Amino acid sequence: MLVKEQPTSFSPQPKSFAALMEMYEINYIQLRLLCGDIRILPETSVSRVADGIPVAANVIEHSRHSTTLMLTYLFHEYSGAKDNRPDMLIRVYHDSRQAEVISHRCRLTEEVVQHWDQELDTMLLCRWRMNRFLYKWTNYLRRQGHIFNPIS
């Protein structure tokens, strides 16, 4: 059983593959605190808090070793907006206890990530940005009191 703890201090440098792997582990912990046991999460879960925008967790695919889910705000319920953003497609790896954003867009736009041969791998930076965003967003959701599966 996971217990709510003090906020994590996180400062690895984005140029490091090892730091990205650490981010995946921290995102797994954050999602477990938010969703409980992800392997038994219902197909669709919505979290609502007072004076907050509802958030949906939709399970896209379950397998023995991983779960793919979409995490998004439900702006249409809150303000009538047609667009739900951000749409974070996340793969949770149960055996390695990691969670990774697998969206194919960077900067939450339709822009396709380009692979250049530079000093710094742009794909690594994109993955760092998207997963850092997930880390910050899940922290924010937890501070607001969101929870998807209070059982577990």
C-alpha atoms as a PDB file:
ATOM      1  CA  MET A   1       0.000   0.000   0.000  1.00  0.00           C
ATOM      2  CA  LEU A   2       1.397   3.407  -0.997  1.00  0.00           C
ATOM      3  CA  VAL A   3       1.349   6.249   1.489  1.00  0.00           C
ATOM      4  CA  LYS A   4       1.315   9.952   0.668  1.00  0.00           C
ATOM      5  CA  GLU A   5       4.750  11.386   1.425  1.00  0.00           C
ATOM      6  CA  GLN A   6       6.477  14.743   1.287  1.00  0.00           C
ATOM      7  CA  PRO A   7       7.006  16.229  -2.203  1.00  0.00           C
ATOM      8  CA  THR A   8      10.024  14.838  -3.988  1.00  0.00           C
ATOM      9  CA  SER A   9      12.946  17.143  -4.680  1.00  0.00           C
ATOM     10  CA  PHE A  10      14.093  16.415  -8.217  1.00  0.00           C
ATOM     11  CA  SER A  11      17.021  17.967 -10.028  1.00  0.00           C
ATOM     12  CA  PRO A  12      18.693  15.591 -12.515  1.00  0.00           C
ATOM     13  CA  GLN A  13      20.039  17.159 -15.682  1.00  0.00           C
ATOM     14  CA  PRO A  14      17.995  16.587 -18.860  1.00  0.00           C
ATOM     15  CA  LYS A  15      21.018  15.493 -20.902  1.00  0.00           C
ATOM     16  CA  SER A  16      21.197  12.210 -19.015  1.00  0.00           C
ATOM     17  CA  PHE A  17      19.547   8.971 -20.107  1.00  0.00           C
ATOM     18  CA  ALA A  18      19.931   7.697 -16.528  1.00  0.00           C
ATOM     19  CA  ALA A  19      18.049  10.735 -15.230  1.00  0.00           C
ATOM     20  CA  LEU A  20      15.242  10.039 -17.722  1.00  0.00           C
ATOM     21  CA  MET A  21      14.987   6.470 -16.385  1.00  0.00           C
ATOM     22  CA  GLU A  22      14.791   7.910 -12.863  1.00  0.00           C
ATOM     23  CA  MET A  23      11.997  10.215 -14.039  1.00  0.00           C
ATOM     24  CA  TYR A  24      10.107   7.151 -15.333  1.00  0.00           C
ATOM     25  CA  GLU A  25      10.375   5.567 -11.875  1.00  0.00           C
ATOM     26  CA  ILE A  26       9.166   8.723 -10.139  1.00  0.00           C
ATOM     27  CA  ASN A  27       6.264   9.028 -12.585  1.00  0.00           C
ATOM     28  CA  TYR A  28       5.285   5.445 -11.771  1.00  0.00           C
ATOM     29  CA  ILE A  29       5.175   6.291  -8.061  1.00  0.00           C
ATOM     30  CA  GLN A  30       3.184   9.472  -8.734  1.00  0.00           C
ATOM     31  CA  LEU A  31       0.638   7.583 -10.851  1.00  0.00           C
ATOM     32  CA  ARG A  32       0.281   4.854  -8.223  1.00  0.00           C
ATOM     33  CA  LEU A  33      -0.414   7.518  -5.605  1.00  0.00           C
ATOM     34  CA  LEU A  34      -2.992   9.082  -7.928  1.00  0.00           C
ATOM     35  CA  CYS A  35      -4.614   5.887  -9.291  1.00  0.00           C
ATOM     36  CA  GLY A  36      -3.916   3.100  -6.824  1.00  0.00           C
ATOM     37  CA  ASP A  37      -3.249  -0.270  -8.439  1.00  0.00           C
ATOM     38  CA  ILE A  38      -3.221   0.619 -12.135  1.00  0.00           C
ATOM     39  CA  ARG A  39      -3.657  -3.037 -13.126  1.00  0.00           C
ATOM     40  CA  ILE A  40      -7.217  -2.956 -11.735  1.00  0.00           C
ATOM     41  CA  LEU A  41      -8.091   0.609 -12.735  1.00  0.00           C
ATOM     42  CA  PRO A  42     -11.529   0.725 -14.435  1.00  0.00           C
ATOM     43  CA  GLU A  43     -11.640   1.447 -18.167  1.00  0.00           C
ATOM     44  CA  THR A  44     -12.755   5.018 -17.437  1.00  0.00           C
ATOM     45  CA  SER A  45     -12.239   6.901 -14.180  1.00  0.00           C
ATOM     46  CA  VAL A  46     -13.005  10.540 -13.512  1.00  0.00           C
ATOM     47  CA  SER A  47     -11.726  12.534 -10.569  1.00  0.00           C
ATOM     48  CA  ARG A  48     -13.565  15.671  -9.491  1.00  0.00           C
ATOM     49  CA  VAL A  49     -12.530  18.139  -6.800  1.00  0.00           C
ATOM     50  CA  ALA A  50     -14.276  21.278  -5.580  1.00  0.00           C
ATOM     51  CA  ASP A  51     -13.492  24.306  -7.756  1.00  0.00           C
ATOM     52  CA  GLY A  52     -11.270  22.190 -10.016  1.00  0.00           C
ATOM     53  CA  ILE A  53     -11.360  20.890 -13.546  1.00  0.00           C
ATOM     54  CA  PRO A  54     -12.365  17.203 -13.742  1.00  0.00           C
ATOM     55  CA  VAL A  55      -9.622  14.831 -14.852  1.00  0.00           C
ATOM     56  CA  ALA A  56     -10.164  11.538 -16.683  1.00  0.00           C
ATOM     57  CA  ALA A  57      -7.972   8.454 -16.718  1.00  0.00           C
ATOM     58  CA  ASN A  58      -8.951   6.168 -19.600  1.00  0.00           C
ATOM     59  CA  VAL A  59      -7.353   2.750 -19.870  1.00  0.00           C
ATOM     60  CA  ILE A  60      -6.511   2.165 -23.528  1.00  0.00           C
ATOM     61  CA  GLU A  61      -4.856  -1.239 -23.220  1.00  0.00           C
ATOM     62  CA  HIS A  62      -4.073  -3.769 -20.505  1.00  0.00           C
ATOM     63  CA  SER A  63      -1.541  -6.545 -20.827  1.00  0.00           C
ATOM     64  CA  ARG A  64       0.177  -8.754 -18.310  1.00  0.00           C
ATOM     65  CA  HIS A  65       3.200  -6.463 -17.999  1.00  0.00           C
ATOM     66  CA  SER A  66       1.913  -3.013 -18.951  1.00  0.00           C
ATOM     67  CA  THR A  67      -1.068  -0.689 -19.033  1.00  0.00           C
ATOM     68  CA  THR A  68      -1.541   2.169 -21.455  1.00  0.00           C
ATOM     69  CA  LEU A  69      -3.740   4.999 -20.282  1.00  0.00           C
ATOM     70  CA  MET A  70      -4.793   8.473 -21.376  1.00  0.00           C
ATOM     71  CA  LEU A  71      -4.807  11.202 -18.740  1.00  0.00           C
ATOM     72  CA  THR A  72      -6.636  14.409 -19.630  1.00  0.00           C
ATOM     73  CA  TYR A  73      -8.615  17.323 -18.240  1.00  0.00           C
ATOM     74  CA  LEU A  74     -12.322  17.360 -19.058  1.00  0.00           C
ATOM     75  CA  PHE A  75     -12.624  21.033 -19.938  1.00  0.00           C
ATOM     76  CA  HIS A  76     -16.005  20.470 -21.622  1.00  0.00           C
ATOM     77  CA  GLU A  77     -17.508  19.615 -18.198  1.00  0.00           C
ATOM     78  CA  TYR A  78     -15.939  22.639 -16.542  1.00  0.00           C
ATOM     79  CA  SER A  79     -16.208  25.440 -19.075  1.00  0.00           C
ATOM     80  CA  GLY A  80     -17.883  24.037 -22.177  1.00  0.00           C
ATOM     81  CA  ALA A  81     -14.597  24.054 -24.137  1.00  0.00           C
ATOM     82  CA  LYS A  82     -14.438  21.516 -26.973  1.00  0.00           C
ATOM     83  CA  ASP A  83     -10.790  20.540 -26.506  1.00  0.00           C
ATOM     84  CA  ASN A  84      -9.453  18.358 -23.709  1.00  0.00           C
ATOM     85  CA  ARG A  85      -5.791  19.124 -23.144  1.00  0.00           C
ATOM     86  CA  PRO A  86      -3.329  17.919 -22.267  1.00  0.00           C
ATOM     87  CA  ASP A  87      -3.893  14.434 -23.605  1.00  0.00           C
ATOM     88  CA  MET A  88      -1.059  12.461 -22.056  1.00  0.00           C
ATOM     89  CA  LEU A  89      -0.769   8.924 -23.387  1.00  0.00           C
ATOM     90  CA  ILE A  90       1.172   7.002 -20.753  1.00  0.00           C
ATOM     91  CA  ARG A  91       2.513   3.462 -20.694  1.00  0.00           C
ATOM     92  CA  VAL A  92       2.936   1.956 -17.241  1.00  0.00           C
ATOM     93  CA  TYR A  93       5.378  -0.949 -16.977  1.00  0.00           C
ATOM     94  CA  HIS A  94       4.319  -3.038 -13.977  1.00  0.00           C
ATOM     95  CA  ASP A  95       7.377  -5.288 -13.812  1.00  0.00           C
ATOM     96  CA  SER A  96      10.003  -2.512 -13.920  1.00  0.00           C
ATOM     97  CA  ARG A  97       7.773  -0.036 -12.042  1.00  0.00           C
ATOM     98  CA  GLN A  98       8.161   2.742 -14.575  1.00  0.00           C
ATOM     99  CA  ALA A  99       5.742   5.055 -16.372  1.00  0.00           C
ATOM    100  CA  GLU A 100       6.590   6.812 -19.623  1.00  0.00           C
ATOM    101  CA  VAL A 101       4.736   9.364 -21.723  1.00  0.00           C
ATOM    102  CA  ILE A 102       4.417   7.791 -25.156  1.00  0.00           C
ATOM    103  CA  SER A 103       2.659  10.653 -26.942  1.00  0.00           C
ATOM    104  CA  HIS A 104       4.230  11.328 -30.309  1.00  0.00           C
ATOM    105  CA  ARG A 105       4.019  15.085 -29.965  1.00  0.00           C
ATOM    106  CA  CYS A 106       6.360  17.401 -28.144  1.00  0.00           C
ATOM    107  CA  ARG A 107       5.371  20.719 -26.554  1.00  0.00           C
ATOM    108  CA  LEU A 108       1.709  19.627 -26.572  1.00  0.00           C
ATOM    109  CA  THR A 109       1.302  20.680 -30.197  1.00  0.00           C
ATOM    110  CA  GLU A 110       0.838  18.805 -33.436  1.00  0.00           C
ATOM    111  CA  GLU A 111       4.533  19.352 -34.221  1.00  0.00           C
ATOM    112  CA  VAL A 112       6.298  16.099 -35.081  1.00  0.00           C
ATOM    113  CA  VAL A 113       9.595  15.536 -33.292  1.00  0.00           C
ATOM    114  CA  GLN A 114      12.556  15.797 -35.643  1.00  0.00           C
ATOM    115  CA  HIS A 115      15.679  13.728 -35.164  1.00  0.00           C
ATOM    116  CA  TRP A 116      18.833  15.706 -35.794  1.00  0.00           C
ATOM    117  CA  ASP A 117      22.434  14.686 -35.446  1.00  0.00           C
ATOM    118  CA  GLN A 118      23.472  17.328 -32.905  1.00  0.00           C
ATOM    119  CA  GLU A 119      25.413  17.381 -29.664  1.00  0.00           C
ATOM    120  CA  LEU A 120      22.199  16.709 -27.793  1.00  0.00           C
ATOM    121  CA  ASP A 121      19.655  14.092 -28.802  1.00  0.00           C
ATOM    122  CA  THR A 122      16.426  15.979 -29.504  1.00  0.00           C
ATOM    123  CA  MET A 123      14.358  12.845 -28.875  1.00  0.00           C
ATOM    124  CA  LEU A 124      15.897  12.544 -25.406  1.00  0.00           C
ATOM    125  CA  LEU A 125      15.047  16.188 -24.737  1.00  0.00           C
ATOM    126  CA  CYS A 126      11.501  15.700 -25.985  1.00  0.00           C
ATOM    127  CA  ARG A 127      11.019  12.660 -23.763  1.00  0.00           C
ATOM    128  CA  TRP A 128      12.515  14.587 -20.859  1.00  0.00           C
ATOM    129  CA  ARG A 129      10.105  17.514 -21.397  1.00  0.00           C
ATOM    130  CA  MET A 130       7.011  15.331 -21.754  1.00  0.00           C
ATOM    131  CA  ASN A 131       7.855  13.189 -18.736  1.00  0.00           C
ATOM    132  CA  ARG A 132       8.867  16.196 -16.660  1.00  0.00           C
ATOM    133  CA  PHE A 133       5.470  17.685 -17.531  1.00  0.00           C
ATOM    134  CA  LEU A 134       3.761  14.471 -16.347  1.00  0.00           C
ATOM    135  CA  TYR A 135       5.757  14.633 -13.108  1.00  0.00           C
ATOM    136  CA  LYS A 136       4.713  18.234 -12.454  1.00  0.00           C
ATOM    137  CA  TRP A 137       1.106  17.643 -13.504  1.00  0.00           C
ATOM    138  CA  THR A 138       0.615  14.576 -11.287  1.00  0.00           C
ATOM    139  CA  ASN A 139       2.109  16.494  -8.352  1.00  0.00           C
ATOM    140  CA  TYR A 140      -0.335  19.332  -9.029  1.00  0.00           C
ATOM    141  CA  LEU A 141      -3.307  16.953  -9.325  1.00  0.00           C
ATOM    142  CA  ARG A 142      -2.415  15.279  -6.033  1.00  0.00           C
ATOM    143  CA  ARG A 143      -2.085  18.651  -4.278  1.00  0.00           C
ATOM    144  CA  GLN A 144      -5.575  19.534  -5.527  1.00  0.00           C
ATOM    145  CA  GLY A 145      -6.905  16.298  -4.028  1.00  0.00           C
ATOM    146  CA  HIS A 146      -7.538  14.309  -7.198  1.00  0.00           C
ATOM    147  CA  ILE A 147      -7.675  10.538  -6.857  1.00  0.00           C
ATOM    148  CA  PHE A 148      -8.937   7.927  -9.309  1.00  0.00           C
ATOM    149  CA  ASN A 149      -9.098   4.744  -7.337  1.00  0.00           C
ATOM    150  CA  PRO A 150      -9.408   5.184  -3.579  1.00  0.00           C
ATOM    151  CA  ILE A 151      -9.459   1.375  -3.149  1.00  0.00           C
ATOM    152  CA  SER A 152      -5.933  -0.053  -2.848  1.00  0.00           C
END
